[in-house]
Amino acid sequence: MSRPGATYVYTASQIANGAAPANVGIIPSTNIVNVNLNWEQIFDSRVDAGFFMTNATDEVYPVNTGGGYGSAGFGDVLMGAPRMWGIRVRCSFGE
């Protein structure tokens, strides 16, 4: 049996506060889509497999600021995870 699935995560814009009191910015809103497809008991066997992809649209987005502007001379921003994908395989033993 195949089972497709997806998740959608919306995060509203946020205020980001840097190191200096006046160093305030806005982190924009994000729309992240994750997808997966699982296939159970492949050809009536004991093997299951699944495919997954996070951040399917490969959105580039900041998630936080470290406030490094005051110390390093430039702003530092922590970016969200890029698109990632993979497969899972599971084999069941016994009844």
Protein backbone atom coordinates (compact mmCIF):
# COMPACT_ATOMS: atom_id res chain seq x y z
CA MET A 1 0.00 0.00 0.00
CA SER A 2 1.35 3.42 -0.95
CA ARG A 3 0.73 6.39 1.30
CA PRO A 4 1.58 9.89 0.12
CA GLY A 5 1.72 12.75 2.58
CA ALA A 6 2.67 16.38 2.87
CA THR A 7 3.01 19.03 5.54
CA TYR A 8 2.80 22.77 5.12
CA VAL A 9 4.32 25.08 7.73
CA TYR A 10 3.65 28.80 7.73
CA THR A 11 5.61 31.05 10.07
CA ALA A 12 4.60 34.70 10.34
CA SER A 13 7.16 37.48 10.16
CA GLN A 14 9.07 38.11 13.38
CA ILE A 15 11.00 40.92 15.00
CA ALA A 16 14.71 40.15 15.22
CA ASN A 17 16.74 42.04 17.78
CA GLY A 18 20.47 42.41 17.16
CA ALA A 19 23.28 43.23 19.57
CA ALA A 20 22.77 46.97 19.77
CA PRO A 21 19.45 48.33 21.09
CA ALA A 22 18.74 50.13 17.78
CA ASN A 23 19.68 47.12 15.63
CA VAL A 24 16.17 45.71 15.10
CA GLY A 25 15.04 44.01 11.91
CA ILE A 26 12.24 41.86 10.57
CA ILE A 27 12.57 38.19 9.67
CA PRO A 28 10.09 37.65 6.80
CA SER A 29 7.31 35.06 6.87
CA THR A 30 8.05 31.60 5.46
CA ASN A 31 6.10 28.87 3.68
CA ILE A 32 7.74 25.45 3.97
CA VAL A 33 6.43 22.30 2.26
CA ASN A 34 7.59 18.79 3.19
CA VAL A 35 6.50 15.69 1.24
CA ASN A 36 6.76 11.94 1.72
CA LEU A 37 5.70 8.73 0.03
CA ASN A 38 5.67 5.41 1.89
CA TRP A 39 5.24 1.98 0.31
CA GLU A 40 4.37 -0.75 2.80
CA GLN A 41 4.88 -4.49 2.21
CA ILE A 42 6.49 -4.07 -1.19
CA PHE A 43 5.20 -6.87 -3.46
CA ASP A 44 3.73 -8.64 -0.37
CA SER A 45 7.15 -8.83 1.27
CA ARG A 46 8.30 -7.77 4.73
CA VAL A 47 10.04 -4.73 3.29
CA ASP A 48 8.73 -1.17 3.57
CA ALA A 49 10.30 1.83 1.87
CA GLY A 50 9.75 5.53 1.99
CA PHE A 51 10.90 8.67 0.24
CA PHE A 52 10.94 12.06 1.97
CA MET A 53 11.81 15.63 1.03
CA THR A 54 11.97 18.57 3.41
CA ASN A 55 11.73 22.16 2.17
CA ALA A 56 10.54 20.85 -1.21
CA THR A 57 10.40 24.34 -2.75
CA ASP A 58 14.02 24.99 -1.63
CA GLU A 59 13.04 28.24 0.04
CA VAL A 60 16.00 30.28 1.31
CA TYR A 61 14.98 31.96 4.55
CA PRO A 62 16.51 33.41 7.70
CA VAL A 63 15.41 32.01 11.05
CA ASN A 64 17.40 34.17 13.47
CA THR A 65 20.01 36.85 13.74
CA GLY A 66 22.98 36.55 16.05
CA GLY A 67 23.49 40.28 16.45
CA GLY A 68 27.11 40.10 15.28
CA TYR A 69 26.97 43.51 13.59
CA GLY A 70 28.35 45.35 16.59
CA SER A 71 31.32 43.03 17.15
CA ALA A 72 32.26 41.83 13.65
CA GLY A 73 31.31 44.84 11.54
CA PHE A 74 28.63 42.98 9.58
CA GLY A 75 25.34 41.29 10.37
CA ASP A 76 25.20 37.56 10.92
CA VAL A 77 22.07 35.60 10.07
CA LEU A 78 21.20 31.97 10.78
CA MET A 79 19.57 30.49 7.68
CA GLY A 80 16.93 27.74 7.62
CA ALA A 81 17.64 24.23 6.38
CA PRO A 82 17.94 23.80 2.59
CA ARG A 83 16.02 21.19 0.61
CA MET A 84 16.95 17.71 1.81
CA TRP A 85 15.73 14.34 0.61
CA GLY A 86 16.30 10.72 1.39
CA ILE A 87 14.92 7.21 1.52
CA ARG A 88 14.11 4.85 4.37
CA VAL A 89 14.00 1.07 4.13
CA ARG A 90 12.64 -1.19 6.86
CA CYS A 91 12.56 -4.96 7.01
CA SER A 92 10.30 -6.73 9.52
CA PHE A 93 11.36 -10.05 11.06
CA GLY A 94 9.00 -12.54 12.70
CA GLU A 95 5.24 -12.32 12.82
